[in-house]
Amino acid sequence: MRGTYAPSDRAGEITKSKSFIKPSRVLARFSIAGGNPKVAGMEHAAMRGFSFRLGNDGHVSDILTQSAPVHFAGKLDQMLAFLKARLPGPNGKPDVKAIKAFSTANPETQYQAQYLVGRPLQASLADTTYWGVHAFPATNSNGEKRFIKFKIEPIRRGVTSTKGEARSKSTDFPIDDLGLRIAAHAVRFSVMALLDRPGDPVMDLTLRWPNEDEREAVRLGTIVVTGVEANDAYDEIIFDPANLADGIGYPPDEIFAARRVAYSISQKKRR
């Protein structure tokens, strides 16, 4: 997808990053459930993703967000154990007992799934709220620093779907719908920065900040998606979480550090 970004008057209060305080072009990608085309995009448990690149002339930020405000693991060893528990056995299916035992011992790994199934499913990717689960240290033009979380909110929210309605839609519905919405100039998002408070858990991605939905947020700007590109136009493009412009620092958690390495490997493999 392609589009434009227009900064708000308050963007400079949060960061000095030129990607956020100046108008720029936008390159974006929506995804569903890890990109598996056989997974129905209208399933409640199917994670939706929205990644985008802001900036011009070398001042670029890649922001990766998802439709849940938490990650499924807080540390790398827990993430590895989570995935191993779901590996298929000799019969080609995961061991349900092993998954249940792991979940009982690690209840925080269920918070993401509980969030997804516990809320109404938006019928469109363009109506979905997306979250950046990491806490980014941001520095404004006055040298003031604080942690922020990115939250991407649809400006025009449409209808939700019941579970029965969701199952009746094809796997192609979210993508087809998105194309129609873009053609009608109806895909706009506010880029928000949630502001930290003392004691917020910036290291554990399975936890939300206290009262996160009610706390102060600053609108950094508006994204308008204006066109659709062919999939092969972006085959070699990686939205790299480590690709951050001046003013936005690396989150301190170990999951982010691992993602930086993993995305770099992925990019080399594509080449």
Protein backbone atom coordinates (compact mmCIF):
# COMPACT_ATOMS: atom_id res chain seq x y z
CA MET A 1 0.00 0.00 0.00
CA ARG A 2 1.09 3.58 -0.49
CA GLY A 3 -0.07 6.78 1.12
CA THR A 4 0.85 9.98 2.92
CA TYR A 5 1.51 11.08 6.49
CA ALA A 6 0.62 14.51 7.88
CA PRO A 7 2.06 15.42 11.30
CA SER A 8 0.03 17.04 14.05
CA ASP A 9 1.04 20.22 15.83
CA ARG A 10 1.98 18.21 18.93
CA ALA A 11 4.34 15.69 17.30
CA GLY A 12 7.39 17.76 18.28
CA GLU A 13 6.43 17.47 21.95
CA ILE A 14 7.20 13.75 21.82
CA THR A 15 10.07 13.31 19.36
CA LYS A 16 12.49 15.27 17.23
CA SER A 17 12.38 12.53 14.58
CA LYS A 18 11.93 14.12 11.16
CA SER A 19 9.87 11.09 10.16
CA PHE A 20 7.15 12.19 12.57
CA ILE A 21 7.35 16.00 12.56
CA LYS A 22 7.35 16.52 8.79
CA PRO A 23 4.91 15.40 6.07
CA SER A 24 6.12 12.33 4.21
CA ARG A 25 5.15 9.49 1.96
CA VAL A 26 4.02 6.19 3.47
CA LEU A 27 4.74 2.64 2.43
CA ALA A 28 2.49 0.16 4.27
CA ARG A 29 1.65 -3.52 4.52
CA PHE A 30 -1.39 -5.16 6.12
CA SER A 31 -1.13 -8.81 7.16
CA ILE A 32 -3.24 -11.56 8.69
CA ALA A 33 -2.13 -14.42 10.94
CA GLY A 34 1.50 -14.42 9.90
CA GLY A 35 0.72 -14.24 6.20
CA ASN A 36 -0.81 -17.70 5.90
CA PRO A 37 -3.35 -17.38 3.04
CA LYS A 38 -5.28 -20.43 4.28
CA VAL A 39 -6.14 -18.80 7.59
CA ALA A 40 -9.47 -17.01 7.50
CA GLY A 41 -8.90 -13.32 8.05
CA MET A 42 -12.24 -13.06 9.81
CA GLU A 43 -11.36 -15.46 12.62
CA HIS A 44 -11.28 -13.84 16.06
CA ALA A 45 -7.98 -15.50 16.98
CA ALA A 46 -6.26 -14.41 13.74
CA MET A 47 -3.80 -11.65 14.50
CA ARG A 48 -3.87 -8.70 12.14
CA GLY A 49 -0.82 -6.61 11.42
CA PHE A 50 -0.12 -3.14 10.05
CA SER A 51 3.47 -2.18 9.27
CA PHE A 52 4.42 1.12 7.70
CA ARG A 53 7.41 3.25 6.79
CA LEU A 54 7.46 7.01 7.26
CA GLY A 55 10.04 9.48 6.07
CA ASN A 56 11.95 11.05 3.23
CA ASP A 57 15.58 11.66 2.33
CA GLY A 58 17.11 9.08 4.64
CA HIS A 59 15.05 10.04 7.70
CA VAL A 60 13.00 6.88 7.91
CA SER A 61 11.13 5.01 10.64
CA ASP A 62 9.59 1.55 10.28
CA ILE A 63 6.74 0.95 12.71
CA LEU A 64 5.34 -2.55 13.20
CA THR A 65 1.97 -2.91 14.93
CA GLN A 66 -0.57 -5.65 15.57
CA SER A 67 -4.22 -6.01 16.61
CA ALA A 68 -3.40 -6.92 20.23
CA PRO A 69 -1.61 -4.66 22.74
CA VAL A 70 0.58 -7.46 24.17
CA HIS A 71 2.99 -10.10 22.93
CA PHE A 72 2.52 -13.81 23.65
CA ALA A 73 5.80 -14.10 25.57
CA GLY A 74 7.80 -11.85 27.85
CA LYS A 75 11.26 -13.38 27.40
CA LEU A 76 13.10 -15.29 24.70
CA ASP A 77 13.28 -18.61 26.56
CA GLN A 78 9.53 -18.43 27.20
CA MET A 79 8.87 -17.62 23.55
CA LEU A 80 10.95 -20.61 22.45
CA ALA A 81 9.16 -22.92 24.88
CA PHE A 82 5.78 -21.60 23.69
CA LEU A 83 6.64 -22.49 20.09
CA LYS A 84 8.16 -25.88 20.96
CA ALA A 85 5.01 -26.88 22.84
CA ARG A 86 3.07 -26.41 19.61
CA LEU A 87 5.32 -28.43 17.31
CA PRO A 88 3.47 -31.26 15.51
CA GLY A 89 4.02 -34.76 16.86
CA PRO A 90 4.36 -38.03 14.90
CA ASN A 91 0.67 -37.81 13.97
CA GLY A 92 1.19 -34.37 12.43
CA LYS A 93 -0.77 -32.61 15.18
CA PRO A 94 0.38 -30.68 18.26
CA ASP A 95 0.17 -32.35 21.67
CA VAL A 96 -2.86 -30.75 23.31
CA LYS A 97 -1.79 -31.91 26.77
CA ALA A 98 1.67 -30.37 26.34
CA ILE A 99 0.12 -27.06 25.27
CA LYS A 100 -2.27 -27.08 28.22
CA ALA A 101 0.53 -27.88 30.67
CA PHE A 102 2.68 -25.05 29.30
CA SER A 103 -0.22 -22.59 29.42
CA THR A 104 -1.00 -23.54 33.03
CA ALA A 105 2.61 -22.97 34.03
CA ASN A 106 2.83 -19.74 31.99
CA PRO A 107 -0.60 -18.03 32.20
CA GLU A 108 0.77 -14.76 30.86
CA THR A 109 1.29 -16.41 27.47
CA GLN A 110 -2.51 -16.52 27.11
CA TYR A 111 -3.10 -12.79 27.55
CA GLN A 112 -2.76 -12.05 23.85
CA ALA A 113 -5.25 -14.74 22.77
CA GLN A 114 -7.65 -13.72 25.54
CA TYR A 115 -7.57 -10.13 24.29
CA LEU A 116 -8.29 -11.16 20.71
CA VAL A 117 -11.22 -13.47 21.44
CA GLY A 118 -12.69 -11.22 24.12
CA ARG A 119 -13.44 -8.24 21.88
CA PRO A 120 -15.70 -7.64 18.88
CA LEU A 121 -13.97 -8.34 15.58
CA GLN A 122 -13.89 -5.39 13.22
CA ALA A 123 -15.18 -6.31 9.79
CA SER A 124 -12.40 -4.42 8.01
CA LEU A 125 -8.64 -4.14 8.33
CA ALA A 126 -9.23 -0.42 7.87
CA ASP A 127 -11.40 -0.31 11.01
CA THR A 128 -8.99 -2.22 13.26
CA THR A 129 -6.93 -0.64 16.05
CA TYR A 130 -3.26 -1.63 15.96
CA TRP A 131 -0.70 -1.57 18.76
CA GLY A 132 3.06 -1.38 19.04
CA VAL A 133 3.74 -3.70 21.98
CA HIS A 134 7.23 -2.33 22.71
CA ALA A 135 8.04 0.73 24.84
CA PHE A 136 10.17 3.13 22.79
CA PRO A 137 12.36 5.77 24.46
CA ALA A 138 11.54 9.04 22.69
CA THR A 139 13.44 12.34 22.87
CA ASN A 140 11.93 15.66 21.84
CA SER A 141 13.68 18.80 20.57
CA ASN A 142 14.21 20.02 24.16
CA GLY A 143 16.11 16.87 25.09
CA GLU A 144 13.27 15.56 27.25
CA LYS A 145 12.95 11.76 27.27
CA ARG A 146 10.13 9.38 28.09
CA PHE A 147 8.81 6.02 26.98
CA ILE A 148 5.98 5.84 24.47
CA LYS A 149 3.88 3.08 22.90
CA PHE A 150 2.49 3.43 19.41
CA LYS A 151 -1.25 3.02 18.91
CA ILE A 152 -2.78 3.28 15.44
CA GLU A 153 -6.46 4.16 15.52
CA PRO A 154 -8.87 4.16 12.57
CA ILE A 155 -10.41 7.57 12.08
CA ARG A 156 -13.65 6.10 10.76
CA ARG A 157 -14.61 2.87 12.51
CA GLY A 158 -17.12 0.64 10.74
CA VAL A 159 -19.26 -2.27 11.82
CA THR A 160 -18.17 -5.32 13.77
CA SER A 161 -18.88 -8.93 12.89
CA THR A 162 -20.32 -11.70 15.01
CA LYS A 163 -18.45 -15.01 15.07
CA GLY A 164 -21.06 -16.56 12.78
CA GLU A 165 -20.81 -13.72 10.27
CA ALA A 166 -17.02 -13.89 10.40
CA ARG A 167 -16.95 -17.58 9.56
CA SER A 168 -19.25 -17.02 6.59
CA LYS A 169 -16.81 -14.64 4.90
CA SER A 170 -14.08 -15.90 2.59
CA THR A 171 -10.38 -15.80 3.41
CA ASP A 172 -10.02 -13.07 0.77
CA PHE A 173 -12.66 -10.80 2.27
CA PRO A 174 -10.40 -8.52 4.37
CA ILE A 175 -8.04 -7.84 1.45
CA ASP A 176 -10.84 -7.34 -1.07
CA ASP A 177 -12.63 -5.02 1.35
CA LEU A 178 -9.46 -3.03 1.90
CA GLY A 179 -9.08 -2.39 -1.81
CA LEU A 180 -12.65 -1.13 -2.04
CA ARG A 181 -12.14 1.14 0.97
CA ILE A 182 -8.95 2.61 -0.48
CA ALA A 183 -10.71 3.31 -3.79
CA ALA A 184 -13.39 5.16 -1.83
CA HIS A 185 -10.75 7.23 0.04
CA ALA A 186 -11.88 5.77 3.37
CA VAL A 187 -8.66 4.46 4.89
CA ARG A 188 -7.25 6.89 7.45
CA PHE A 189 -5.48 6.29 10.74
CA SER A 190 -4.35 8.47 13.63
CA VAL A 191 -0.81 7.70 14.79
CA MET A 192 -0.91 7.99 18.57
CA ALA A 193 1.80 7.95 21.24
CA LEU A 194 0.75 6.60 24.64
CA LEU A 195 2.79 8.34 27.35
CA ASP A 196 4.48 6.43 30.16
CA ARG A 197 4.05 6.85 33.89
CA PRO A 198 6.45 5.93 36.70
CA GLY A 199 6.47 2.20 37.29
CA ASP A 200 5.11 1.15 33.90
CA PRO A 201 6.34 -2.35 32.87
CA VAL A 202 8.52 -1.42 29.92
CA MET A 203 10.38 -4.76 29.90
CA ASP A 204 7.50 -7.27 29.92
CA LEU A 205 5.55 -7.37 26.65
CA THR A 206 2.81 -9.62 28.05
CA LEU A 207 1.61 -6.80 30.32
CA ARG A 208 -0.31 -3.70 29.40
CA TRP A 209 0.44 -0.43 31.12
CA PRO A 210 -2.03 0.28 33.94
CA ASN A 211 -5.17 2.05 32.68
CA GLU A 212 -3.65 2.06 29.22
CA ASP A 213 -6.94 2.72 27.44
CA GLU A 214 -7.71 5.78 29.57
CA ARG A 215 -4.30 7.39 29.89
CA GLU A 216 -2.94 10.44 28.09
CA ALA A 217 -2.05 10.01 24.44
CA VAL A 218 -0.66 12.46 21.90
CA ARG A 219 -1.65 12.33 18.25
CA LEU A 220 1.55 12.41 16.21
CA GLY A 221 -0.16 12.63 12.84
CA THR A 222 -2.49 11.08 10.28
CA ILE A 223 -1.86 8.32 7.75
CA VAL A 224 -3.98 8.30 4.60
CA VAL A 225 -3.70 5.13 2.48
CA THR A 226 -4.22 6.22 -1.12
CA GLY A 227 -3.29 3.28 -3.34
CA VAL A 228 -2.59 -0.42 -3.72
CA GLU A 229 0.61 -1.84 -5.17
CA ALA A 230 1.16 -5.33 -6.57
CA ASN A 231 2.47 -7.80 -3.98
CA ASP A 232 5.68 -8.48 -5.93
CA ALA A 233 6.55 -4.79 -5.76
CA TYR A 234 7.49 -5.32 -2.12
CA ASP A 235 8.96 -8.83 -2.19
CA GLU A 236 12.41 -7.62 -1.13
CA ILE A 237 11.21 -4.98 1.32
CA ILE A 238 11.51 -5.68 5.05
CA PHE A 239 9.81 -3.47 7.59
CA ASP A 240 12.71 -3.57 10.03
CA PRO A 241 11.88 -2.71 13.69
CA ALA A 242 15.46 -1.49 14.11
CA ASN A 243 14.98 1.09 11.36
CA LEU A 244 14.24 4.11 13.55
CA ALA A 245 14.99 7.74 12.85
CA ASP A 246 16.73 10.12 15.24
CA GLY A 247 14.59 10.79 18.30
CA ILE A 248 13.16 7.27 18.66
CA GLY A 249 15.39 4.79 20.48
CA TYR A 250 15.48 1.01 20.75
CA PRO A 251 13.16 -0.52 23.35
CA PRO A 252 15.10 -2.16 26.22
CA ASP A 253 13.31 -5.54 26.23
CA GLU A 254 15.06 -8.68 24.97
CA ILE A 255 12.31 -9.57 22.51
CA PHE A 256 13.02 -6.40 20.53
CA ALA A 257 16.76 -7.13 20.52
CA ALA A 258 16.06 -10.58 19.07
CA ARG A 259 13.68 -9.17 16.45
CA ARG A 260 16.40 -6.83 15.21
CA VAL A 261 18.63 -9.82 14.49
CA ALA A 262 15.84 -11.99 13.06
CA TYR A 263 14.66 -9.35 10.60
CA SER A 264 18.21 -8.78 9.42
CA ILE A 265 18.59 -12.51 8.69
CA SER A 266 15.23 -12.56 6.92
CA GLN A 267 16.25 -9.69 4.68
CA LYS A 268 19.47 -11.44 3.65
CA LYS A 269 17.56 -14.65 2.87
CA ARG A 270 15.21 -12.75 0.57
CA ARG A 271 18.13 -11.42 -1.41
